[in-house]
C-alpha atoms as a PDB file:
ATOM      1  CA  UNK A   1      12.546   4.810  15.394  1.00  0.00           C
ATOM      2  CA  UNK A   2      10.973   8.288  15.236  1.00  0.00           C
ATOM      3  CA  UNK A   3       7.754   8.508  13.241  1.00  0.00           C
ATOM      4  CA  UNK A   4       9.098  10.499  10.312  1.00  0.00           C
ATOM      5  CA  UNK A   5       5.696  10.773   8.674  1.00  0.00           C
ATOM      6  CA  UNK A   6       4.082  12.546  11.612  1.00  0.00           C
ATOM      7  CA  UNK A   7       6.664  15.306  11.440  1.00  0.00           C
ATOM      8  CA  UNK A   8       5.132  16.570   8.217  1.00  0.00           C
ATOM      9  CA  UNK A   9       1.963  17.602  10.040  1.00  0.00           C
ATOM     10  CA  UNK A  10       3.796  19.907  12.446  1.00  0.00           C
ATOM     11  CA  UNK A  11       6.104  21.368   9.818  1.00  0.00           C
ATOM     12  CA  UNK A  12       3.419  22.306   7.314  1.00  0.00           C
ATOM     13  CA  UNK A  13       4.199  19.508   4.891  1.00  0.00           C
ATOM     14  CA  UNK A  14       1.022  20.103   2.920  1.00  0.00           C
ATOM     15  CA  UNK A  15       2.000  23.722   2.363  1.00  0.00           C
ATOM     16  CA  UNK A  16       5.395  23.177   0.808  1.00  0.00           C
ATOM     17  CA  UNK A  17       7.867  22.233   3.552  1.00  0.00           C
ATOM     18  CA  UNK A  18       8.585  18.812   2.025  1.00  0.00           C
ATOM     19  CA  UNK A  19      11.540  20.028  -0.020  1.00  0.00           C
ATOM     20  CA  UNK A  20      13.280  21.376   3.065  1.00  0.00           C
ATOM     21  CA  UNK A  21      12.644  18.148   4.971  1.00  0.00           C
ATOM     22  CA  UNK A  22      14.048  16.026   2.175  1.00  0.00           C
ATOM     23  CA  UNK A  23      17.171  18.113   1.751  1.00  0.00           C
ATOM     24  CA  UNK A  24      17.852  18.220   5.476  1.00  0.00           C
ATOM     25  CA  UNK A  25      17.388  14.480   5.911  1.00  0.00           C
ATOM     26  CA  UNK A  26      19.448  13.652   2.842  1.00  0.00           C
ATOM     27  CA  UNK A  27      22.456  15.237   4.482  1.00  0.00           C
ATOM     28  CA  UNK A  28      22.377  12.950   7.485  1.00  0.00           C
ATOM     29  CA  UNK A  29      24.990  10.174   7.371  1.00  0.00           C
ATOM     30  CA  UNK A  30      22.456   7.551   8.427  1.00  0.00           C
ATOM     31  CA  UNK A  31      20.553   7.902   5.187  1.00  0.00           C
ATOM     32  CA  UNK A  32      23.671   7.368   3.122  1.00  0.00           C
ATOM     33  CA  UNK A  33      23.569   3.690   4.028  1.00  0.00           C
ATOM     34  CA  UNK A  34      21.731   1.244   1.762  1.00  0.00           C
ATOM     35  CA  UNK A  35      17.999   1.037   2.371  1.00  0.00           C
ATOM     36  CA  UNK A  36      16.979  -1.859   4.585  1.00  0.00           C
ATOM     37  CA  UNK A  37      13.473  -3.012   5.308  1.00  0.00           C
ATOM     38  CA  UNK A  38      12.108  -3.039   8.817  1.00  0.00           C
ATOM     39  CA  UNK A  39       9.837  -5.870   7.726  1.00  0.00           C
ATOM     40  CA  UNK A  40      11.082  -8.645   5.478  1.00  0.00           C
ATOM     41  CA  UNK A  41       8.850  -9.885   2.702  1.00  0.00           C
ATOM     42  CA  UNK A  42       7.490 -13.407   3.095  1.00  0.00           C
ATOM     43  CA  UNK A  43       7.327 -16.044   0.376  1.00  0.00           C
ATOM     44  CA  UNK A  44       3.776 -17.374   0.237  1.00  0.00           C
ATOM     45  CA  UNK A  45       1.899 -19.750  -2.064  1.00  0.00           C
ATOM     46  CA  UNK A  46      -0.452 -18.547  -4.772  1.00  0.00           C
ATOM     47  CA  UNK A  47      -4.150 -18.525  -3.839  1.00  0.00           C
ATOM     48  CA  UNK A  48      -5.981 -21.799  -4.338  1.00  0.00           C
ATOM     49  CA  UNK A  49      -9.145 -19.859  -5.208  1.00  0.00           C
ATOM     50  CA  UNK A  50      -8.933 -17.055  -7.743  1.00  0.00           C
ATOM     51  CA  UNK A  51     -10.995 -15.285 -10.357  1.00  0.00           C
ATOM     52  CA  UNK A  52     -10.770 -16.427 -13.950  1.00  0.00           C
ATOM     53  CA  UNK A  53      -8.813 -14.281 -16.353  1.00  0.00           C
ATOM     54  CA  UNK A  54     -11.264 -12.062 -18.191  1.00  0.00           C
ATOM     55  CA  UNK A  55     -11.265  -9.091 -20.503  1.00  0.00           C
ATOM     56  CA  UNK A  56     -11.988  -5.649 -19.112  1.00  0.00           C
ATOM     57  CA  UNK A  57     -10.819  -3.638 -16.131  1.00  0.00           C
ATOM     58  CA  UNK A  58     -11.610  -4.227 -12.479  1.00  0.00           C
ATOM     59  CA  UNK A  59     -10.810  -2.447  -9.239  1.00  0.00           C
ATOM     60  CA  UNK A  60      -9.387  -3.547  -5.900  1.00  0.00           C
ATOM     61  CA  UNK A  61      -8.881  -1.541  -2.717  1.00  0.00           C
ATOM     62  CA  UNK A  62      -6.229  -2.460  -0.159  1.00  0.00           C
ATOM     63  CA  UNK A  63      -5.120  -0.801   3.069  1.00  0.00           C
ATOM     64  CA  UNK A  64      -1.922  -1.719   4.844  1.00  0.00           C
ATOM     65  CA  UNK A  65      -0.135   1.103   6.613  1.00  0.00           C
ATOM     66  CA  UNK A  66       1.048   4.245   4.876  1.00  0.00           C
ATOM     67  CA  UNK A  67      -0.419   4.489   1.398  1.00  0.00           C
ATOM     68  CA  UNK A  68       2.864   5.786  -0.062  1.00  0.00           C
ATOM     69  CA  UNK A  69       4.449   2.343  -0.024  1.00  0.00           C
ATOM     70  CA  UNK A  70       1.340   0.384  -0.967  1.00  0.00           C
ATOM     71  CA  UNK A  71       0.764   2.649  -3.950  1.00  0.00           C
ATOM     72  CA  UNK A  72       4.425   2.478  -4.931  1.00  0.00           C
ATOM     73  CA  UNK A  73       4.378  -1.324  -4.969  1.00  0.00           C
ATOM     74  CA  UNK A  74       1.245  -1.707  -7.076  1.00  0.00           C
ATOM     75  CA  UNK A  75       2.358   0.969  -9.533  1.00  0.00           C
ATOM     76  CA  UNK A  76       5.065  -1.512 -10.515  1.00  0.00           C
ATOM     77  CA  UNK A  77       2.737  -4.485 -11.088  1.00  0.00           C
ATOM     78  CA  UNK A  78       2.092  -5.486 -14.699  1.00  0.00           C
ATOM     79  CA  UNK A  79      -1.564  -5.280 -15.624  1.00  0.00           C
ATOM     80  CA  UNK A  80      -2.212  -2.398 -13.223  1.00  0.00           C
ATOM     81  CA  UNK A  81      -3.213   0.729 -15.114  1.00  0.00           C
ATOM     82  CA  UNK A  82      -3.696   2.991 -12.110  1.00  0.00           C
ATOM     83  CA  UNK A  83      -3.013   2.931  -8.365  1.00  0.00           C
ATOM     84  CA  UNK A  84      -4.365   5.901  -6.429  1.00  0.00           C
ATOM     85  CA  UNK A  85      -3.689   6.759  -2.788  1.00  0.00           C
ATOM     86  CA  UNK A  86      -6.750   7.690  -0.788  1.00  0.00           C
ATOM     87  CA  UNK A  87      -9.080   7.056   2.114  1.00  0.00           C
ATOM     88  CA  UNK A  88     -11.710   4.352   2.585  1.00  0.00           C
ATOM     89  CA  UNK A  89     -14.060   3.428   5.409  1.00  0.00           C
ATOM     90  CA  UNK A  90     -15.446   6.761   6.518  1.00  0.00           C
ATOM     91  CA  UNK A  91     -17.513   9.701   5.332  1.00  0.00           C
ATOM     92  CA  UNK A  92     -16.701  11.902   2.342  1.00  0.00           C
ATOM     93  CA  UNK A  93     -16.400  15.012   4.487  1.00  0.00           C
ATOM     94  CA  UNK A  94     -13.693  13.387   6.616  1.00  0.00           C
ATOM     95  CA  UNK A  95     -11.553  12.276   3.670  1.00  0.00           C
ATOM     96  CA  UNK A  96      -8.876  14.865   4.419  1.00  0.00           C
ATOM     97  CA  UNK A  97      -5.356  13.903   5.460  1.00  0.00           C
ATOM     98  CA  UNK A  98      -5.202  15.906   8.687  1.00  0.00           C
ATOM     99  CA  UNK A  99      -8.648  14.670   9.746  1.00  0.00           C
ATOM    100  CA  UNK A 100      -7.948  11.028   8.886  1.00  0.00           C
ATOM    101  CA  UNK A 101      -4.746  11.342  10.905  1.00  0.00           C
ATOM    102  CA  UNK A 102      -6.746  11.697  14.116  1.00  0.00           C
ATOM    103  CA  UNK A 103      -7.732   8.031  13.825  1.00  0.00           C
ATOM    104  CA  UNK A 104     -11.362   8.860  14.592  1.00  0.00           C
ATOM    105  CA  UNK A 105     -12.920   8.989  11.116  1.00  0.00           C
ATOM    106  CA  UNK A 106     -13.240   5.301  10.276  1.00  0.00           C
ATOM    107  CA  UNK A 107     -11.054   5.878   7.250  1.00  0.00           C
ATOM    108  CA  UNK A 108      -7.930   3.884   6.459  1.00  0.00           C
ATOM    109  CA  UNK A 109      -5.142   5.090   4.225  1.00  0.00           C
ATOM    110  CA  UNK A 110      -5.777   2.884   1.212  1.00  0.00           C
ATOM    111  CA  UNK A 111      -4.981   2.390  -2.452  1.00  0.00           C
ATOM    112  CA  UNK A 112      -7.519   1.895  -5.228  1.00  0.00           C
ATOM    113  CA  UNK A 113      -6.038  -0.311  -7.943  1.00  0.00           C
ATOM    114  CA  UNK A 114      -7.414  -0.428 -11.472  1.00  0.00           C
ATOM    115  CA  UNK A 115      -6.218  -3.516 -13.291  1.00  0.00           C
ATOM    116  CA  UNK A 116      -6.634  -5.527 -16.479  1.00  0.00           C
ATOM    117  CA  UNK A 117      -8.132  -8.836 -15.395  1.00  0.00           C
ATOM    118  CA  UNK A 118      -6.698 -10.550 -18.474  1.00  0.00           C
ATOM    119  CA  UNK A 119      -3.145  -9.712 -17.355  1.00  0.00           C
ATOM    120  CA  UNK A 120      -3.257  -9.978 -13.571  1.00  0.00           C
ATOM    121  CA  UNK A 121      -5.862 -11.571 -11.334  1.00  0.00           C
ATOM    122  CA  UNK A 122      -7.319 -10.432  -8.044  1.00  0.00           C
ATOM    123  CA  UNK A 123      -5.630 -13.382  -6.371  1.00  0.00           C
ATOM    124  CA  UNK A 124      -2.239 -12.336  -7.711  1.00  0.00           C
ATOM    125  CA  UNK A 125      -2.794  -8.830  -6.367  1.00  0.00           C
ATOM    126  CA  UNK A 126      -3.623 -10.351  -2.992  1.00  0.00           C
ATOM    127  CA  UNK A 127      -0.425 -12.400  -3.095  1.00  0.00           C
ATOM    128  CA  UNK A 128       1.598  -9.214  -3.591  1.00  0.00           C
ATOM    129  CA  UNK A 129      -0.432  -7.428  -0.908  1.00  0.00           C
ATOM    130  CA  UNK A 130       0.152 -10.098   1.720  1.00  0.00           C
ATOM    131  CA  UNK A 131       3.777 -10.906   0.939  1.00  0.00           C
ATOM    132  CA  UNK A 132       5.350  -7.634  -0.189  1.00  0.00           C
ATOM    133  CA  UNK A 133       3.162  -4.581   0.405  1.00  0.00           C
ATOM    134  CA  UNK A 134       2.663  -4.906   4.175  1.00  0.00           C
ATOM    135  CA  UNK A 135       2.669  -7.199   7.204  1.00  0.00           C
ATOM    136  CA  UNK A 136      -0.791  -8.810   7.572  1.00  0.00           C
ATOM    137  CA  UNK A 137      -0.089  -9.977  11.135  1.00  0.00           C
ATOM    138  CA  UNK A 138      -0.181  -6.373  12.396  1.00  0.00           C
ATOM    139  CA  UNK A 139      -3.683  -4.897  12.626  1.00  0.00           C
ATOM    140  CA  UNK A 140      -3.546  -1.194  13.477  1.00  0.00           C
ATOM    141  CA  UNK A 141       0.107  -0.432  12.880  1.00  0.00           C
ATOM    142  CA  UNK A 142       2.761  -0.885  10.238  1.00  0.00           C
ATOM    143  CA  UNK A 143       6.392  -0.010  10.903  1.00  0.00           C
ATOM    144  CA  UNK A 144       6.505   3.421  12.594  1.00  0.00           C
ATOM    145  CA  UNK A 145       2.816   4.168  11.952  1.00  0.00           C
ATOM    146  CA  UNK A 146       0.041   3.306  14.402  1.00  0.00           C
ATOM    147  CA  UNK A 147      -3.689   3.902  14.566  1.00  0.00           C
ATOM    148  CA  UNK A 148      -6.812   2.555  12.909  1.00  0.00           C
ATOM    149  CA  UNK A 149      -6.077   4.716   9.869  1.00  0.00           C
ATOM    150  CA  UNK A 150      -3.141   2.363   9.188  1.00  0.00           C
ATOM    151  CA  UNK A 151      -5.120  -0.841   9.630  1.00  0.00           C
ATOM    152  CA  UNK A 152      -4.657  -3.945   7.521  1.00  0.00           C
ATOM    153  CA  UNK A 153      -7.909  -4.161   5.580  1.00  0.00           C
ATOM    154  CA  UNK A 154      -9.214  -5.455   2.281  1.00  0.00           C
ATOM    155  CA  UNK A 155     -12.137  -3.428   0.986  1.00  0.00           C
ATOM    156  CA  UNK A 156     -13.869  -6.005  -1.179  1.00  0.00           C
ATOM    157  CA  UNK A 157     -15.684  -4.587  -4.188  1.00  0.00           C
ATOM    158  CA  UNK A 158     -18.070  -7.530  -4.516  1.00  0.00           C
ATOM    159  CA  UNK A 159     -18.913 -10.976  -3.144  1.00  0.00           C
ATOM    160  CA  UNK A 160     -16.412 -12.685  -5.455  1.00  0.00           C
ATOM    161  CA  UNK A 161     -13.527 -10.618  -4.098  1.00  0.00           C
ATOM    162  CA  UNK A 162     -14.692 -11.233  -0.539  1.00  0.00           C
ATOM    163  CA  UNK A 163     -14.786 -14.998  -1.037  1.00  0.00           C
ATOM    164  CA  UNK A 164     -11.351 -15.068  -2.689  1.00  0.00           C
ATOM    165  CA  UNK A 165      -9.847 -13.001   0.121  1.00  0.00           C
ATOM    166  CA  UNK A 166     -11.478 -15.100   2.859  1.00  0.00           C
ATOM    167  CA  UNK A 167     -10.298 -18.304   1.202  1.00  0.00           C
ATOM    168  CA  UNK A 168      -6.755 -17.011   0.820  1.00  0.00           C
ATOM    169  CA  UNK A 169      -6.497 -15.847   4.424  1.00  0.00           C
ATOM    170  CA  UNK A 170      -7.659 -19.282   5.601  1.00  0.00           C
ATOM    171  CA  UNK A 171      -5.186 -20.960   3.233  1.00  0.00           C
ATOM    172  CA  UNK A 172      -2.238 -18.896   4.475  1.00  0.00           C
ATOM    173  CA  UNK A 173      -3.183 -19.330   8.129  1.00  0.00           C
ATOM    174  CA  UNK A 174      -3.443 -23.092   7.677  1.00  0.00           C
ATOM    175  CA  UNK A 175      -0.014 -23.136   6.032  1.00  0.00           C
ATOM    176  CA  UNK A 176       1.380 -21.034   8.918  1.00  0.00           C
ATOM    177  CA  UNK A 177       3.589 -19.090   6.533  1.00  0.00           C
ATOM    178  CA  UNK A 178       3.754 -16.047   8.824  1.00  0.00           C
ATOM    179  CA  UNK A 179       4.213 -17.719  12.170  1.00  0.00           C
ATOM    180  CA  UNK A 180       1.383 -15.587  13.554  1.00  0.00           C
ATOM    181  CA  UNK A 181      -2.279 -15.423  12.504  1.00  0.00           C
ATOM    182  CA  UNK A 182      -3.306 -12.997   9.787  1.00  0.00           C
ATOM    183  CA  UNK A 183      -5.322 -10.159  11.330  1.00  0.00           C
ATOM    184  CA  UNK A 184      -6.336  -8.452   8.073  1.00  0.00           C
ATOM    185  CA  UNK A 185      -9.999  -7.492   8.165  1.00  0.00           C
ATOM    186  CA  UNK A 186     -12.541  -7.493   5.351  1.00  0.00           C
ATOM    187  CA  UNK A 187     -14.875  -4.552   4.798  1.00  0.00           C
ATOM    188  CA  UNK A 188     -17.544  -4.183   2.136  1.00  0.00           C
ATOM    189  CA  UNK A 189     -19.753  -1.409   0.836  1.00  0.00           C
ATOM    190  CA  UNK A 190     -17.204   1.342   1.537  1.00  0.00           C
ATOM    191  CA  UNK A 191     -16.434   4.254  -0.798  1.00  0.00           C
ATOM    192  CA  UNK A 192     -12.918   5.222  -1.838  1.00  0.00           C
ATOM    193  CA  UNK A 193     -11.911   8.889  -1.882  1.00  0.00           C
ATOM    194  CA  UNK A 194      -8.694   9.978  -3.592  1.00  0.00           C
ATOM    195  CA  UNK A 195      -6.095  11.653  -1.385  1.00  0.00           C
ATOM    196  CA  UNK A 196      -4.586  15.054  -1.970  1.00  0.00           C
ATOM    197  CA  UNK A 197      -2.312  15.454  -4.989  1.00  0.00           C
ATOM    198  CA  UNK A 198       0.798  15.840  -2.828  1.00  0.00           C
ATOM    199  CA  UNK A 199       0.370  12.224  -1.693  1.00  0.00           C
ATOM    200  CA  UNK A 200       0.131  10.788  -5.210  1.00  0.00           C
ATOM    201  CA  UNK A 201       3.213   9.113  -6.747  1.00  0.00           C
ATOM    202  CA  UNK A 202       5.068   9.993  -3.547  1.00  0.00           C
ATOM    203  CA  UNK A 203       7.460   7.058  -3.635  1.00  0.00           C
ATOM    204  CA  UNK A 204       8.530   7.700  -7.228  1.00  0.00           C
ATOM    205  CA  UNK A 205       8.850  11.463  -6.800  1.00  0.00           C
ATOM    206  CA  UNK A 206      10.671  11.353  -3.448  1.00  0.00           C
ATOM    207  CA  UNK A 207      13.019   8.331  -3.412  1.00  0.00           C
ATOM    208  CA  UNK A 208      15.466  10.039  -1.017  1.00  0.00           C
ATOM    209  CA  UNK A 209      12.823  10.973   1.547  1.00  0.00           C
ATOM    210  CA  UNK A 210      13.897   9.070   4.695  1.00  0.00           C
ATOM    211  CA  UNK A 211      10.581   7.329   5.313  1.00  0.00           C
ATOM    212  CA  UNK A 212      10.490   6.111   1.705  1.00  0.00           C
ATOM    213  CA  UNK A 213      14.144   5.021   1.640  1.00  0.00           C
ATOM    214  CA  UNK A 214      13.858   3.029   4.841  1.00  0.00           C
ATOM    215  CA  UNK A 215      10.340   1.587   4.712  1.00  0.00           C
ATOM    216  CA  UNK A 216       9.109   1.522   1.133  1.00  0.00           C
ATOM    217  CA  UNK A 217      11.862   1.213  -1.472  1.00  0.00           C
ATOM    218  CA  UNK A 218      12.734  -2.250  -0.087  1.00  0.00           C
ATOM    219  CA  UNK A 219       9.139  -3.304  -0.823  1.00  0.00           C
ATOM    220  CA  UNK A 220       9.555  -2.450  -4.502  1.00  0.00           C
ATOM    221  CA  UNK A 221      12.882  -4.298  -4.535  1.00  0.00           C
ATOM    222  CA  UNK A 222      11.177  -7.328  -2.980  1.00  0.00           C
ATOM    223  CA  UNK A 223       8.453  -7.183  -5.624  1.00  0.00           C
ATOM    224  CA  UNK A 224      11.076  -7.252  -8.363  1.00  0.00           C
ATOM    225  CA  UNK A 225      12.945 -10.151  -6.777  1.00  0.00           C
ATOM    226  CA  UNK A 226       9.994 -12.283  -5.709  1.00  0.00           C
ATOM    227  CA  UNK A 227       7.594 -11.630  -8.589  1.00  0.00           C
ATOM    228  CA  UNK A 228       9.767 -11.026 -11.664  1.00  0.00           C
ATOM    229  CA  UNK A 229       6.951 -11.971 -14.068  1.00  0.00           C
ATOM    230  CA  UNK A 230       4.645  -9.414 -12.487  1.00  0.00           C
ATOM    231  CA  UNK A 231       7.205  -6.653 -12.026  1.00  0.00           C
ATOM    232  CA  UNK A 232       7.245  -3.635 -14.325  1.00  0.00           C
ATOM    233  CA  UNK A 233      10.269  -1.359 -14.142  1.00  0.00           C
ATOM    234  CA  UNK A 234       8.216   1.643 -15.238  1.00  0.00           C
ATOM    235  CA  UNK A 235       5.559   2.669 -12.702  1.00  0.00           C
ATOM    236  CA  UNK A 236       2.114   3.805 -13.769  1.00  0.00           C
ATOM    237  CA  UNK A 237       1.839   7.282 -12.288  1.00  0.00           C
ATOM    238  CA  UNK A 238      -1.260   9.236 -11.321  1.00  0.00           C
ATOM    239  CA  UNK A 239      -0.099  12.792 -11.900  1.00  0.00           C
ATOM    240  CA  UNK A 240       2.483  12.444 -14.653  1.00  0.00           C
ATOM    241  CA  UNK A 241       1.261  12.621 -18.223  1.00  0.00           C
ATOM    242  CA  UNK A 242       4.433  10.873 -19.388  1.00  0.00           C
ATOM    243  CA  UNK A 243       3.618   7.482 -17.818  1.00  0.00           C
END
């Protein structure tokens, strides 16, 4: 399948060509068919080790392919108050979409999640991340996207998050729920930088965009089906004041 996302670089996506791309693609007969996922979600057990429910907000940063879909999934998780697309792993000066796209900055397209620890735990977020948001058996590519900027990485905010993530990866590998080893890496001490506004809320604002329809809307549908108690029909948006 052609890498639809890369076409936006050559067509001046960041300067307003998105509308034309969406309208042109919407007219193609292929996109009139129901959305199907290139990667099926996997049912996995809850983490054996998790943080205790506590009052107050916490943050988690996950990377797993294009941030449009990862953000879109976590915007529908109850207890999440904000999910921002951005870049993590490299320098502040390189946190620009076109530069990150070279794959030479150390950055990964990532999502910073702010959540209420009394409503959803870090372990529950990890369960969604591993089973619905992306394929953790693919390291530097997801679907049509390839490169280290699309790597499967958990950016742990502290030692507790690191231990929970390490324990869960070992638990899932031992259970062999994926058939292949999990290759998700763990990185610590990295700073998150928010992406450009035109990347925020992209899934919600552009549901007919071909990349979204094919790769990402099925992830939200899987979240609703597999985690009904965690699913929120109304997404928490970054740019909209009406969320």
